[in-house]
Amino acid sequence: MEKQIKLFLDFLQNDKKLSDNTLQSYKRDIVQFMEYTEKNNINYLKIEQEDIKKYLKSLEKLNKKTSTISRNLASIRSFYQYLLRTKKVKIDPTESIGSPKIEKKAPSVLSAQEVELLLEQPKNVDLKGIRDKAMLEFAYATGMRVTEIISLYLEDVNIEEGYVVCKNGSRQRNIPLGSLSLEALKEYIKNARPILVKDEKVKELFVNINGKKLTRQGFWKIVKYYKEQAHITKDITPHVLRHSFATHLLQNGADLKAIQTMLGHSDISSTQVYMQFQNENLKNIYQKAHPRA
């Protein structure tokens, strides 16, 4: 069983060129599913559709989110399609199981004023302040995911041309950097990072105060700290800055396709969730501008 999981993950890594985070998600889902089959004396090679439905029901009873259950089913489906391809099974037991409907909630976003207030908090008075200012400006300027930001190397940023190369698995995209973000980044790269980084082997762009690679938790704590300093009552995570980036671009006339490219969405439907904010903005413009509104 363990061998099959390893072979499956190797296949995903080599054939699909997935990111480490995605691979880890697949692994967690499949290992958890296999533990369930073992516990219930089910042969995973002879499993039936009803057994998989019962498993998904068990996740529901554990109060797992619909999105989590849907992802689990997607992982299991990929696993059985692999087993079908390698002739370990004759049919895919997940074939006619529909994914649970996920209600697309409106993403949490900050107003332009709240973003400004947040970005004003880090002060260029010490190494930490210079780094934090550069990181927050960068996160809002690029809309990149936390994992993408902390995985960036110094060489991925082109200061002269004003853009960053974001790599995610086998895919990469170039994202422009605004003048304020570039200014903060130059200050950090010139005056803070060389002092923070003690080991030349550390290639990451953003590092912690010990000069090592920054973690997701570390980034999250920095955002939370400045949110409290700014006395903003909304719950702010690094992902909220990503949502705010996309929403503000759309509200100011950016093309949806361009935003999709910058966010790295493979499907335009993921980007369309921001349209509701544009529609709201258009309503406000109409109310202010139309003589009979």
Protein backbone atom coordinates (compact mmCIF):
# COMPACT_ATOMS: atom_id res chain seq x y z
CA MET A 1 0.00 0.00 0.00
CA GLU A 2 2.76 2.46 0.99
CA LYS A 3 4.60 1.53 -2.18
CA GLN A 4 1.51 2.36 -4.29
CA ILE A 5 1.16 5.76 -2.61
CA LYS A 6 4.84 6.52 -3.23
CA LEU A 7 4.57 5.48 -6.89
CA PHE A 8 1.46 7.63 -7.27
CA LEU A 9 3.18 10.68 -5.77
CA ASP A 10 6.25 10.09 -7.97
CA PHE A 11 3.93 9.98 -10.97
CA LEU A 12 2.32 13.29 -9.97
CA GLN A 13 5.68 14.93 -9.42
CA ASN A 14 7.20 13.75 -12.70
CA ASP A 15 4.19 13.81 -14.99
CA LYS A 16 2.06 16.64 -13.65
CA LYS A 17 4.90 18.86 -12.34
CA LEU A 18 2.94 19.88 -9.23
CA SER A 19 4.22 22.13 -6.46
CA ASP A 20 5.43 20.65 -3.15
CA ASN A 21 2.38 22.02 -1.31
CA THR A 22 -0.04 20.37 -3.76
CA LEU A 23 1.85 17.07 -3.52
CA GLN A 24 1.67 17.21 0.27
CA SER A 25 -2.11 17.76 0.06
CA TYR A 26 -2.47 14.69 -2.17
CA LYS A 27 -0.35 12.66 0.20
CA ARG A 28 -2.36 13.67 3.30
CA ASP A 29 -5.66 12.92 1.57
CA ILE A 30 -4.59 9.50 0.26
CA VAL A 31 -2.91 8.40 3.50
CA GLN A 32 -6.03 9.39 5.47
CA PHE A 33 -8.23 7.50 3.00
CA MET A 34 -6.02 4.41 3.19
CA GLU A 35 -6.15 4.47 6.99
CA TYR A 36 -9.93 4.46 6.72
CA THR A 37 -9.93 1.43 4.37
CA GLU A 38 -7.58 -0.48 6.69
CA LYS A 39 -9.63 0.33 9.77
CA ASN A 40 -12.81 -0.88 8.01
CA ASN A 41 -11.19 -3.97 6.45
CA ILE A 42 -11.73 -2.73 2.89
CA ASN A 43 -9.41 -3.82 0.11
CA TYR A 44 -8.61 -0.55 -1.66
CA LEU A 45 -8.06 -2.43 -4.94
CA LYS A 46 -11.58 -3.89 -4.77
CA ILE A 47 -13.34 -0.95 -3.19
CA GLU A 48 -16.84 -0.06 -4.34
CA GLN A 49 -18.53 3.25 -4.97
CA GLU A 50 -20.65 2.95 -1.82
CA ASP A 51 -17.53 2.56 0.34
CA ILE A 52 -16.11 5.82 -1.00
CA LYS A 53 -19.44 7.57 -0.43
CA LYS A 54 -19.40 6.31 3.18
CA TYR A 55 -15.89 7.66 3.58
CA LEU A 56 -16.93 11.10 2.33
CA LYS A 57 -19.92 10.93 4.69
CA SER A 58 -17.54 10.18 7.58
CA LEU A 59 -15.60 13.37 6.75
CA GLU A 60 -18.88 15.28 6.81
CA LYS A 61 -19.63 13.88 10.30
CA LEU A 62 -16.22 15.17 11.41
CA ASN A 63 -17.46 18.64 10.39
CA LYS A 64 -14.94 18.93 7.56
CA LYS A 65 -15.58 21.84 5.21
CA THR A 66 -17.25 21.15 1.87
CA SER A 67 -14.10 22.38 0.12
CA THR A 68 -12.00 19.87 2.12
CA ILE A 69 -14.34 16.97 1.24
CA SER A 70 -14.30 18.03 -2.41
CA ARG A 71 -10.50 18.14 -2.42
CA ASN A 72 -10.37 14.68 -0.78
CA LEU A 73 -12.59 13.26 -3.50
CA ALA A 74 -10.41 14.87 -6.19
CA SER A 75 -7.29 13.29 -4.64
CA ILE A 76 -8.94 9.85 -4.40
CA ARG A 77 -10.20 10.16 -7.98
CA SER A 78 -6.68 11.00 -9.22
CA PHE A 79 -5.32 8.01 -7.29
CA TYR A 80 -7.78 5.55 -8.87
CA GLN A 81 -7.25 7.01 -12.32
CA TYR A 82 -3.55 6.33 -11.80
CA LEU A 83 -4.31 2.75 -10.64
CA LEU A 84 -6.52 2.30 -13.71
CA ARG A 85 -3.75 3.59 -15.94
CA THR A 86 -1.23 1.20 -14.38
CA LYS A 87 -3.77 -1.69 -14.60
CA LYS A 88 -3.94 -2.24 -10.85
CA VAL A 89 -7.73 -1.85 -11.00
CA LYS A 90 -10.22 -2.47 -13.81
CA ILE A 91 -12.68 0.33 -13.04
CA ASP A 92 -12.54 3.72 -11.40
CA PRO A 93 -14.89 3.51 -8.36
CA THR A 94 -15.13 7.30 -8.16
CA GLU A 95 -16.32 7.73 -11.75
CA SER A 96 -19.97 8.56 -11.06
CA ILE A 97 -19.52 10.24 -7.67
CA GLY A 98 -20.32 13.93 -7.98
CA SER A 99 -18.30 16.53 -6.07
CA PRO A 100 -20.19 18.35 -3.30
CA LYS A 101 -21.27 21.84 -4.31
CA ILE A 102 -19.01 24.49 -2.87
CA GLU A 103 -20.65 27.80 -2.17
CA LYS A 104 -18.33 30.53 -3.42
CA LYS A 105 -18.11 33.04 -0.60
CA ALA A 106 -17.13 36.62 -1.21
CA PRO A 107 -13.46 37.00 -0.37
CA SER A 108 -12.58 39.31 2.51
CA VAL A 109 -11.02 42.53 1.19
CA LEU A 110 -9.66 45.76 2.61
CA SER A 111 -10.65 49.21 1.41
CA ALA A 112 -7.92 51.32 -0.22
CA GLN A 113 -7.81 53.43 2.96
CA GLU A 114 -7.32 50.34 5.16
CA VAL A 115 -4.51 49.09 2.92
CA GLU A 116 -2.82 52.49 3.13
CA LEU A 117 -3.16 52.49 6.92
CA LEU A 118 -1.68 48.98 7.17
CA LEU A 119 1.25 49.74 4.86
CA GLU A 120 2.07 52.90 6.80
CA GLN A 121 2.74 50.95 10.01
CA PRO A 122 6.26 49.50 9.45
CA LYS A 123 8.87 52.23 9.94
CA ASN A 124 12.31 52.32 8.33
CA VAL A 125 14.04 52.82 11.69
CA ASP A 126 15.57 49.33 12.04
CA LEU A 127 16.28 46.19 10.01
CA LYS A 128 12.96 44.56 10.93
CA GLY A 129 10.96 47.66 10.00
CA ILE A 130 12.73 47.97 6.63
CA ARG A 131 12.08 44.27 5.88
CA ASP A 132 8.45 44.39 7.02
CA LYS A 133 7.73 47.51 4.96
CA ALA A 134 9.21 45.84 1.86
CA MET A 135 7.26 42.60 2.46
CA LEU A 136 3.85 44.19 3.00
CA GLU A 137 4.27 46.56 0.05
CA PHE A 138 5.41 43.59 -2.06
CA ALA A 139 2.47 41.37 -1.02
CA TYR A 140 -0.08 44.05 -1.95
CA ALA A 141 1.78 45.09 -5.13
CA THR A 142 1.96 41.55 -6.55
CA GLY A 143 -1.03 39.65 -5.10
CA MET A 144 1.22 36.62 -4.73
CA ARG A 145 0.39 33.71 -2.41
CA VAL A 146 2.32 33.50 0.87
CA THR A 147 4.09 30.30 -0.19
CA GLU A 148 5.16 31.96 -3.44
CA ILE A 149 6.52 35.03 -1.63
CA ILE A 150 8.56 33.12 0.96
CA SER A 151 9.92 30.80 -1.77
CA LEU A 152 11.26 33.66 -3.90
CA TYR A 153 14.99 33.96 -4.47
CA LEU A 154 16.81 37.28 -4.65
CA GLU A 155 17.53 36.58 -8.33
CA ASP A 156 13.78 36.33 -9.10
CA VAL A 157 13.41 40.10 -8.72
CA ASN A 158 14.42 42.39 -11.57
CA ILE A 159 14.78 45.77 -9.88
CA GLU A 160 15.90 47.59 -13.05
CA GLU A 161 12.92 46.45 -15.13
CA GLY A 162 10.52 46.51 -12.15
CA TYR A 163 9.05 43.00 -12.10
CA VAL A 164 9.25 39.69 -10.24
CA VAL A 165 9.33 36.19 -11.71
CA CYS A 166 6.98 33.95 -9.73
CA LYS A 167 7.56 30.20 -10.12
CA ASN A 168 4.92 27.67 -9.09
CA GLY A 169 5.79 24.11 -10.04
CA SER A 170 6.50 24.04 -13.77
CA ARG A 171 4.64 27.31 -14.36
CA GLN A 172 5.96 30.81 -14.01
CA ARG A 173 4.59 34.31 -14.44
CA ASN A 174 6.04 37.81 -14.50
CA ILE A 175 4.32 40.33 -12.22
CA PRO A 176 5.05 44.07 -12.41
CA LEU A 177 6.05 45.98 -9.29
CA GLY A 178 4.72 49.45 -8.48
CA SER A 179 6.99 52.38 -7.65
CA LEU A 180 6.29 52.29 -3.88
CA SER A 181 6.95 48.56 -3.70
CA LEU A 182 10.17 48.94 -5.70
CA GLU A 183 11.35 51.77 -3.46
CA ALA A 184 10.77 49.69 -0.30
CA LEU A 185 12.37 46.62 -1.91
CA LYS A 186 15.50 48.55 -2.96
CA GLU A 187 15.88 49.85 0.58
CA TYR A 188 15.55 46.33 2.00
CA ILE A 189 17.92 44.67 -0.51
CA LYS A 190 20.56 47.39 -0.13
CA ASN A 191 20.43 48.22 3.58
CA ALA A 192 18.76 45.39 5.51
CA ARG A 193 19.07 42.00 3.84
CA PRO A 194 22.92 42.00 3.61
CA ILE A 195 23.10 42.54 7.39
CA LEU A 196 20.37 39.99 8.23
CA VAL A 197 21.81 37.21 6.05
CA LYS A 198 24.92 35.70 7.65
CA ASP A 199 25.15 32.67 5.36
CA GLU A 200 25.78 33.19 1.64
CA LYS A 201 23.95 29.93 0.91
CA VAL A 202 20.64 31.60 1.86
CA LYS A 203 19.19 32.68 -1.49
CA GLU A 204 15.64 33.56 -0.36
CA LEU A 205 14.56 37.15 -0.95
CA PHE A 206 12.77 37.57 2.39
CA VAL A 207 14.38 36.21 5.54
CA ASN A 208 13.58 36.24 9.25
CA ILE A 209 15.58 38.29 11.76
CA ASN A 210 18.03 35.37 12.11
CA GLY A 211 18.77 35.47 8.40
CA LYS A 212 16.98 32.20 7.63
CA LYS A 213 14.09 31.47 5.26
CA LEU A 214 10.85 33.02 6.46
CA THR A 215 7.96 30.66 7.26
CA ARG A 216 4.25 31.00 6.43
CA GLN A 217 3.52 31.39 10.15
CA GLY A 218 6.20 34.09 10.42
CA PHE A 219 4.64 36.05 7.59
CA TRP A 220 1.16 35.66 9.08
CA LYS A 221 2.37 36.97 12.48
CA ILE A 222 3.92 40.04 10.83
CA VAL A 223 0.64 40.90 9.08
CA LYS A 224 -1.33 40.35 12.31
CA TYR A 225 1.06 42.55 14.30
CA TYR A 226 0.69 45.53 11.96
CA LYS A 227 -3.06 45.02 11.68
CA GLU A 228 -3.24 45.50 15.45
CA GLN A 229 -0.89 48.49 15.27
CA ALA A 230 -3.21 50.06 12.68
CA HIS A 231 -6.30 49.31 14.87
CA ILE A 232 -8.07 47.67 11.94
CA THR A 233 -10.95 45.55 13.20
CA LYS A 234 -11.18 43.29 10.13
CA ASP A 235 -9.44 39.94 10.26
CA ILE A 236 -6.38 40.37 8.01
CA THR A 237 -4.27 37.50 6.69
CA PRO A 238 -1.69 37.57 3.88
CA HIS A 239 -4.40 36.13 1.62
CA VAL A 240 -6.63 39.15 2.33
CA LEU A 241 -3.89 41.31 0.76
CA ARG A 242 -4.06 39.06 -2.33
CA HIS A 243 -7.84 39.50 -2.51
CA SER A 244 -7.47 43.26 -2.02
CA PHE A 245 -4.86 43.44 -4.81
CA ALA A 246 -7.24 41.77 -7.28
CA THR A 247 -10.31 43.72 -6.19
CA HIS A 248 -8.64 47.13 -6.35
CA LEU A 249 -7.17 46.39 -9.79
CA LEU A 250 -10.59 45.39 -11.09
CA GLN A 251 -12.30 48.40 -9.54
CA ASN A 252 -9.79 50.68 -11.21
CA GLY A 253 -10.39 49.27 -14.68
CA ALA A 254 -7.89 46.40 -15.01
CA ASP A 255 -8.79 43.61 -17.44
CA LEU A 256 -10.05 40.40 -15.79
CA LYS A 257 -7.78 38.25 -17.99
CA ALA A 258 -4.72 40.28 -16.94
CA ILE A 259 -5.66 39.85 -13.26
CA GLN A 260 -6.07 36.10 -13.83
CA THR A 261 -2.54 35.97 -15.27
CA MET A 262 -1.03 37.95 -12.38
CA LEU A 263 -2.82 35.84 -9.76
CA GLY A 264 -1.76 32.61 -11.48
CA HIS A 265 -5.32 31.24 -11.73
CA SER A 266 -5.55 28.40 -14.23
CA ASP A 267 -9.32 28.91 -14.53
CA ILE A 268 -10.96 32.30 -15.17
CA SER A 269 -13.90 31.29 -12.93
CA SER A 270 -11.59 31.60 -9.90
CA THR A 271 -10.91 35.23 -10.86
CA GLN A 272 -14.56 36.04 -11.62
CA VAL A 273 -15.39 35.92 -7.90
CA TYR A 274 -13.98 39.49 -7.74
CA MET A 275 -16.56 40.76 -10.26
CA GLN A 276 -19.11 41.31 -7.49
CA PHE A 277 -16.89 44.05 -6.06
CA GLN A 278 -16.59 45.71 -9.45
CA ASN A 279 -20.37 45.61 -9.82
CA GLU A 280 -20.73 47.28 -6.42
CA ASN A 281 -18.20 49.93 -7.44
CA LEU A 282 -20.08 50.57 -10.69
CA LYS A 283 -23.30 51.02 -8.68
CA ASN A 284 -21.60 53.65 -6.50
CA ILE A 285 -20.25 55.47 -9.58
CA TYR A 286 -23.73 55.38 -11.14
CA GLN A 287 -25.36 56.73 -7.98
CA LYS A 288 -22.90 59.65 -7.84
CA ALA A 289 -22.76 60.42 -11.56
CA HIS A 290 -26.23 59.84 -13.05
CA PRO A 291 -28.45 62.93 -12.82
CA ARG A 292 -31.56 60.87 -12.08
CA ALA A 293 -29.99 58.22 -9.87
